[in-house]
PDB file of N, CA and C in Angstrom:
ATOM      1  N   MET A   1     -17.074  25.359  13.020  1.00  0.00           N
ATOM      2  CA  MET A   1     -16.008  24.956  13.901  1.00  0.00           C
ATOM      3  C   MET A   1     -14.643  25.284  13.299  1.00  0.00           C
ATOM      4  N   TRP A   2     -14.532  25.232  12.005  1.00  0.00           N
ATOM      5  CA  TRP A   2     -13.246  25.460  11.347  1.00  0.00           C
ATOM      6  C   TRP A   2     -13.185  26.842  10.737  1.00  0.00           C
ATOM      7  N   ASP A   3     -12.012  27.430  10.780  1.00  0.00           N
ATOM      8  CA  ASP A   3     -11.740  28.615   9.993  1.00  0.00           C
ATOM      9  C   ASP A   3     -11.637  28.155   8.535  1.00  0.00           C
ATOM     10  N   THR A   4     -12.277  28.863   7.641  1.00  0.00           N
ATOM     11  CA  THR A   4     -12.300  28.449   6.232  1.00  0.00           C
ATOM     12  C   THR A   4     -10.894  28.322   5.648  1.00  0.00           C
ATOM     13  N   GLY A   5     -10.009  29.229   5.996  1.00  0.00           N
ATOM     14  CA  GLY A   5      -8.631  29.161   5.484  1.00  0.00           C
ATOM     15  C   GLY A   5      -7.910  27.911   5.948  1.00  0.00           C
ATOM     16  N   PHE A   6      -8.082  27.561   7.222  1.00  0.00           N
ATOM     17  CA  PHE A   6      -7.447  26.357   7.747  1.00  0.00           C
ATOM     18  C   PHE A   6      -8.020  25.116   7.089  1.00  0.00           C
ATOM     19  N   LYS A   7      -9.325  25.094   6.917  1.00  0.00           N
ATOM     20  CA  LYS A   7      -9.975  23.966   6.250  1.00  0.00           C
ATOM     21  C   LYS A   7      -9.424  23.801   4.833  1.00  0.00           C
ATOM     22  N   ASN A   8      -9.239  24.900   4.116  1.00  0.00           N
ATOM     23  CA  ASN A   8      -8.702  24.826   2.753  1.00  0.00           C
ATOM     24  C   ASN A   8      -7.266  24.306   2.743  1.00  0.00           C
ATOM     25  N   ILE A   9      -6.477  24.678   3.738  1.00  0.00           N
ATOM     26  CA  ILE A   9      -5.094  24.184   3.829  1.00  0.00           C
ATOM     27  C   ILE A   9      -5.081  22.667   4.000  1.00  0.00           C
ATOM     28  N   ILE A  10      -5.971  22.154   4.837  1.00  0.00           N
ATOM     29  CA  ILE A  10      -6.048  20.705   5.065  1.00  0.00           C
ATOM     30  C   ILE A  10      -6.532  19.988   3.807  1.00  0.00           C
ATOM     31  N   TYR A  11      -7.654  20.437   3.263  1.00  0.00           N
ATOM     32  CA  TYR A  11      -8.269  19.721   2.140  1.00  0.00           C
ATOM     33  C   TYR A  11      -7.517  19.881   0.827  1.00  0.00           C
ATOM     34  N   SER A  12      -6.702  20.912   0.694  1.00  0.00           N
ATOM     35  CA  SER A  12      -5.918  21.055  -0.531  1.00  0.00           C
ATOM     36  C   SER A  12      -4.624  20.258  -0.470  1.00  0.00           C
ATOM     37  N   GLY A  13      -4.281  19.771   0.719  1.00  0.00           N
ATOM     38  CA  GLY A  13      -3.069  18.971   0.853  1.00  0.00           C
ATOM     39  C   GLY A  13      -1.837  19.775   1.189  1.00  0.00           C
ATOM     40  N   ILE A  14      -1.978  21.077   1.393  1.00  0.00           N
ATOM     41  CA  ILE A  14      -0.825  21.894   1.761  1.00  0.00           C
ATOM     42  C   ILE A  14      -0.299  21.459   3.121  1.00  0.00           C
ATOM     43  N   LEU A  15      -1.217  21.199   4.047  1.00  0.00           N
ATOM     44  CA  LEU A  15      -0.861  20.675   5.359  1.00  0.00           C
ATOM     45  C   LEU A  15      -1.394  19.257   5.432  1.00  0.00           C
ATOM     46  N   TYR A  16      -0.502  18.306   5.527  1.00  0.00           N
ATOM     47  CA  TYR A  16      -0.915  16.902   5.591  1.00  0.00           C
ATOM     48  C   TYR A  16      -0.743  16.401   7.013  1.00  0.00           C
ATOM     49  N   ILE A  17      -1.732  15.726   7.530  1.00  0.00           N
ATOM     50  CA  ILE A  17      -1.706  15.152   8.872  1.00  0.00           C
ATOM     51  C   ILE A  17      -1.589  13.640   8.705  1.00  0.00           C
ATOM     52  N   PRO A  18      -0.431  13.062   9.002  1.00  0.00           N
ATOM     53  CA  PRO A  18      -0.229  11.641   8.754  1.00  0.00           C
ATOM     54  C   PRO A  18      -0.907  10.712   9.756  1.00  0.00           C
ATOM     55  N   ASP A  19      -1.149  11.180  10.975  1.00  0.00           N
ATOM     56  CA  ASP A  19      -1.696  10.314  12.017  1.00  0.00           C
ATOM     57  C   ASP A  19      -3.211  10.215  11.906  1.00  0.00           C
ATOM     58  N   LEU A  20      -3.718   8.995  11.742  1.00  0.00           N
ATOM     59  CA  LEU A  20      -5.152   8.773  11.570  1.00  0.00           C
ATOM     60  C   LEU A  20      -5.943   9.250  12.786  1.00  0.00           C
ATOM     61  N   GLN A  21      -5.422   9.003  13.985  1.00  0.00           N
ATOM     62  CA  GLN A  21      -6.149   9.418  15.183  1.00  0.00           C
ATOM     63  C   GLN A  21      -6.284  10.947  15.247  1.00  0.00           C
ATOM     64  N   ASP A  22      -5.259  11.669  14.822  1.00  0.00           N
ATOM     65  CA  ASP A  22      -5.351  13.130  14.770  1.00  0.00           C
ATOM     66  C   ASP A  22      -6.431  13.563  13.786  1.00  0.00           C
ATOM     67  N   LYS A  23      -6.515  12.886  12.646  1.00  0.00           N
ATOM     68  CA  LYS A  23      -7.549  13.203  11.662  1.00  0.00           C
ATOM     69  C   LYS A  23      -8.943  12.956  12.238  1.00  0.00           C
ATOM     70  N   ILE A  24      -9.090  11.872  12.978  1.00  0.00           N
ATOM     71  CA  ILE A  24     -10.370  11.554  13.604  1.00  0.00           C
ATOM     72  C   ILE A  24     -10.712  12.620  14.648  1.00  0.00           C
ATOM     73  N   ASP A  25      -9.731  12.984  15.475  1.00  0.00           N
ATOM     74  CA  ASP A  25      -9.942  13.998  16.511  1.00  0.00           C
ATOM     75  C   ASP A  25     -10.337  15.351  15.917  1.00  0.00           C
ATOM     76  N   LEU A  26      -9.807  15.670  14.742  1.00  0.00           N
ATOM     77  CA  LEU A  26     -10.135  16.940  14.084  1.00  0.00           C
ATOM     78  C   LEU A  26     -11.439  16.871  13.298  1.00  0.00           C
ATOM     79  N   GLY A  27     -11.993  15.676  13.160  1.00  0.00           N
ATOM     80  CA  GLY A  27     -13.237  15.520  12.420  1.00  0.00           C
ATOM     81  C   GLY A  27     -13.049  15.371  10.923  1.00  0.00           C
ATOM     82  N   ILE A  28     -11.817  15.148  10.491  1.00  0.00           N
ATOM     83  CA  ILE A  28     -11.530  14.986   9.064  1.00  0.00           C
ATOM     84  C   ILE A  28     -11.934  13.588   8.598  1.00  0.00           C
ATOM     85  N   GLU A  29     -11.751  12.607   9.469  1.00  0.00           N
ATOM     86  CA  GLU A  29     -12.123  11.230   9.171  1.00  0.00           C
ATOM     87  C   GLU A  29     -13.220  10.785  10.146  1.00  0.00           C
ATOM     88  N   ASP A  30     -13.977   9.777   9.751  1.00  0.00           N
ATOM     89  CA  ASP A  30     -15.029   9.236  10.608  1.00  0.00           C
ATOM     90  C   ASP A  30     -14.439   8.624  11.868  1.00  0.00           C
ATOM     91  N   ALA A  31     -15.201   8.642  12.948  1.00  0.00           N
ATOM     92  CA  ALA A  31     -14.730   8.133  14.238  1.00  0.00           C
ATOM     93  C   ALA A  31     -14.364   6.653  14.193  1.00  0.00           C
ATOM     94  N   ASP A  32     -14.996   5.887  13.325  1.00  0.00           N
ATOM     95  CA  ASP A  32     -14.709   4.451  13.244  1.00  0.00           C
ATOM     96  C   ASP A  32     -13.756   4.089  12.106  1.00  0.00           C
ATOM     97  N   ALA A  33     -13.083   5.072  11.536  1.00  0.00           N
ATOM     98  CA  ALA A  33     -12.178   4.833  10.407  1.00  0.00           C
ATOM     99  C   ALA A  33     -10.972   3.993  10.834  1.00  0.00           C
ATOM    100  N   THR A  34     -10.575   3.077   9.970  1.00  0.00           N
ATOM    101  CA  THR A  34      -9.372   2.283  10.205  1.00  0.00           C
ATOM    102  C   THR A  34      -8.274   2.658   9.221  1.00  0.00           C
ATOM    103  N   GLU A  35      -8.639   3.411   8.191  1.00  0.00           N
ATOM    104  CA  GLU A  35      -7.662   3.960   7.242  1.00  0.00           C
ATOM    105  C   GLU A  35      -8.242   5.250   6.679  1.00  0.00           C
ATOM    106  N   ALA A  36      -7.359   6.105   6.189  1.00  0.00           N
ATOM    107  CA  ALA A  36      -7.790   7.398   5.661  1.00  0.00           C
ATOM    108  C   ALA A  36      -8.646   7.207   4.416  1.00  0.00           C
ATOM    109  N   LYS A  37      -9.773   7.888   4.372  1.00  0.00           N
ATOM    110  CA  LYS A  37     -10.670   7.831   3.216  1.00  0.00           C
ATOM    111  C   LYS A  37     -10.892   9.225   2.617  1.00  0.00           C
ATOM    112  N   ASN A  38     -10.894  10.237   3.460  1.00  0.00           N
ATOM    113  CA  ASN A  38     -11.240  11.579   3.001  1.00  0.00           C
ATOM    114  C   ASN A  38     -10.055  12.365   2.449  1.00  0.00           C
ATOM    115  N   ILE A  39      -8.906  12.163   3.024  1.00  0.00           N
ATOM    116  CA  ILE A  39      -7.698  12.845   2.538  1.00  0.00           C
ATOM    117  C   ILE A  39      -6.606  11.802   2.399  1.00  0.00           C
ATOM    118  N   ILE A  40      -6.160  11.609   1.180  1.00  0.00           N
ATOM    119  CA  ILE A  40      -5.157  10.593   0.895  1.00  0.00           C
ATOM    120  C   ILE A  40      -3.975  11.268   0.203  1.00  0.00           C
ATOM    121  N   ALA A  41      -2.779  11.018   0.703  1.00  0.00           N
ATOM    122  CA  ALA A  41      -1.573  11.558   0.084  1.00  0.00           C
ATOM    123  C   ALA A  41      -0.967  10.494  -0.826  1.00  0.00           C
ATOM    124  N   PHE A  42      -0.615  10.892  -2.032  1.00  0.00           N
ATOM    125  CA  PHE A  42       0.024   9.974  -2.969  1.00  0.00           C
ATOM    126  C   PHE A  42       1.522  10.217  -2.949  1.00  0.00           C
ATOM    127  N   ASP A  43       2.287   9.166  -2.701  1.00  0.00           N
ATOM    128  CA  ASP A  43       3.733   9.305  -2.792  1.00  0.00           C
ATOM    129  C   ASP A  43       4.138   9.210  -4.269  1.00  0.00           C
ATOM    130  N   GLU A  44       5.400   9.411  -4.532  1.00  0.00           N
ATOM    131  CA  GLU A  44       5.899   9.413  -5.909  1.00  0.00           C
ATOM    132  C   GLU A  44       5.596   8.103  -6.625  1.00  0.00           C
ATOM    133  N   LYS A  45       5.779   6.987  -5.929  1.00  0.00           N
ATOM    134  CA  LYS A  45       5.523   5.672  -6.526  1.00  0.00           C
ATOM    135  C   LYS A  45       4.050   5.528  -6.913  1.00  0.00           C
ATOM    136  N   LYS A  46       3.143   5.924  -6.011  1.00  0.00           N
ATOM    137  CA  LYS A  46       1.709   5.806  -6.287  1.00  0.00           C
ATOM    138  C   LYS A  46       1.291   6.731  -7.430  1.00  0.00           C
ATOM    139  N   MET A  47       1.831   7.942  -7.470  1.00  0.00           N
ATOM    140  CA  MET A  47       1.500   8.864  -8.561  1.00  0.00           C
ATOM    141  C   MET A  47       1.949   8.303  -9.907  1.00  0.00           C
ATOM    142  N   THR A  48       3.145   7.747  -9.940  1.00  0.00           N
ATOM    143  CA  THR A  48       3.648   7.150 -11.180  1.00  0.00           C
ATOM    144  C   THR A  48       2.769   5.986 -11.611  1.00  0.00           C
ATOM    145  N   GLU A  49       2.390   5.157 -10.654  1.00  0.00           N
ATOM    146  CA  GLU A  49       1.511   4.027 -10.951  1.00  0.00           C
ATOM    147  C   GLU A  49       0.162   4.510 -11.494  1.00  0.00           C
ATOM    148  N   LEU A  50      -0.415   5.512 -10.847  1.00  0.00           N
ATOM    149  CA  LEU A  50      -1.704   6.039 -11.297  1.00  0.00           C
ATOM    150  C   LEU A  50      -1.633   6.581 -12.718  1.00  0.00           C
ATOM    151  N   LEU A  51      -0.532   7.250 -13.034  1.00  0.00           N
ATOM    152  CA  LEU A  51      -0.409   7.903 -14.334  1.00  0.00           C
ATOM    153  C   LEU A  51       0.057   6.986 -15.458  1.00  0.00           C
ATOM    154  N   THR A  52       0.590   5.814 -15.101  1.00  0.00           N
ATOM    155  CA  THR A  52       1.142   4.962 -16.163  1.00  0.00           C
ATOM    156  C   THR A  52       0.448   3.608 -16.315  1.00  0.00           C
ATOM    157  N   THR A  53       0.065   2.969 -15.226  1.00  0.00           N
ATOM    158  CA  THR A  53      -0.433   1.600 -15.348  1.00  0.00           C
ATOM    159  C   THR A  53      -1.862   1.386 -14.852  1.00  0.00           C
ATOM    160  N   THR A  54      -2.431   2.364 -14.200  1.00  0.00           N
ATOM    161  CA  THR A  54      -3.790   2.206 -13.672  1.00  0.00           C
ATOM    162  C   THR A  54      -4.805   2.298 -14.807  1.00  0.00           C
ATOM    163  N   PRO A  55      -5.743   1.360 -14.891  1.00  0.00           N
ATOM    164  CA  PRO A  55      -6.789   1.446 -15.912  1.00  0.00           C
ATOM    165  C   PRO A  55      -7.587   2.753 -15.756  1.00  0.00           C
ATOM    166  N   MET A  56      -8.021   3.309 -16.865  1.00  0.00           N
ATOM    167  CA  MET A  56      -8.691   4.604 -16.871  1.00  0.00           C
ATOM    168  C   MET A  56      -9.901   4.642 -15.943  1.00  0.00           C
ATOM    169  N   GLU A  57     -10.697   3.599 -15.939  1.00  0.00           N
ATOM    170  CA  GLU A  57     -11.890   3.569 -15.084  1.00  0.00           C
ATOM    171  C   GLU A  57     -11.517   3.692 -13.603  1.00  0.00           C
ATOM    172  N   GLU A  58     -10.480   2.964 -13.198  1.00  0.00           N
ATOM    173  CA  GLU A  58     -10.022   3.027 -11.807  1.00  0.00           C
ATOM    174  C   GLU A  58      -9.399   4.391 -11.511  1.00  0.00           C
ATOM    175  N   PHE A  59      -8.633   4.933 -12.458  1.00  0.00           N
ATOM    176  CA  PHE A  59      -8.014   6.254 -12.302  1.00  0.00           C
ATOM    177  C   PHE A  59      -9.088   7.320 -12.067  1.00  0.00           C
ATOM    178  N   ILE A  60     -10.133   7.297 -12.858  1.00  0.00           N
ATOM    179  CA  ILE A  60     -11.224   8.264 -12.713  1.00  0.00           C
ATOM    180  C   ILE A  60     -11.897   8.110 -11.359  1.00  0.00           C
ATOM    181  N   LYS A  61     -12.120   6.875 -10.942  1.00  0.00           N
ATOM    182  CA  LYS A  61     -12.743   6.624  -9.636  1.00  0.00           C
ATOM    183  C   LYS A  61     -11.899   7.213  -8.504  1.00  0.00           C
ATOM    184  N   ILE A  62     -10.601   7.004  -8.575  1.00  0.00           N
ATOM    185  CA  ILE A  62      -9.699   7.532  -7.542  1.00  0.00           C
ATOM    186  C   ILE A  62      -9.642   9.053  -7.590  1.00  0.00           C
ATOM    187  N   MET A  63      -9.557   9.618  -8.784  1.00  0.00           N
ATOM    188  CA  MET A  63      -9.447  11.067  -8.920  1.00  0.00           C
ATOM    189  C   MET A  63     -10.718  11.815  -8.501  1.00  0.00           C
ATOM    190  N   THR A  64     -11.852  11.152  -8.556  1.00  0.00           N
ATOM    191  CA  THR A  64     -13.081  11.825  -8.110  1.00  0.00           C
ATOM    192  C   THR A  64     -13.111  11.991  -6.595  1.00  0.00           C
ATOM    193  N   THR A  65     -12.231  11.287  -5.883  1.00  0.00           N
ATOM    194  CA  THR A  65     -12.168  11.436  -4.426  1.00  0.00           C
ATOM    195  C   THR A  65     -11.178  12.511  -3.992  1.00  0.00           C
ATOM    196  N   VAL A  66     -10.381  13.010  -4.922  1.00  0.00           N
ATOM    197  CA  VAL A  66      -9.347  14.004  -4.591  1.00  0.00           C
ATOM    198  C   VAL A  66      -9.987  15.400  -4.638  1.00  0.00           C
ATOM    199  N   PRO A  67      -9.751  16.231  -3.607  1.00  0.00           N
ATOM    200  CA  PRO A  67     -10.306  17.592  -3.625  1.00  0.00           C
ATOM    201  C   PRO A  67      -9.829  18.377  -4.844  1.00  0.00           C
ATOM    202  N   ARG A  68     -10.677  19.219  -5.367  1.00  0.00           N
ATOM    203  CA  ARG A  68     -10.345  20.020  -6.552  1.00  0.00           C
ATOM    204  C   ARG A  68      -9.917  21.420  -6.135  1.00  0.00           C
ATOM    205  N   THR A  69      -8.685  21.534  -5.657  1.00  0.00           N
ATOM    206  CA  THR A  69      -8.181  22.848  -5.251  1.00  0.00           C
ATOM    207  C   THR A  69      -6.901  23.158  -5.951  1.00  0.00           C
TER     208      THR A  69
END
């Protein structure tokens, strides 16, 4: 259904879709999702928190959900 290039743009975070319903309509998130699980954007505050105060175990858990592109 997806062009591979477009899929890579979405999953790498180059193109971010902020609206959850749009993500559901595109099949990026599950139909019953109430918050984004598959693609999560980190703002500056969250990135700083992850890199400075988040325990290593939690950091690893979060980073394993981020696409490797």
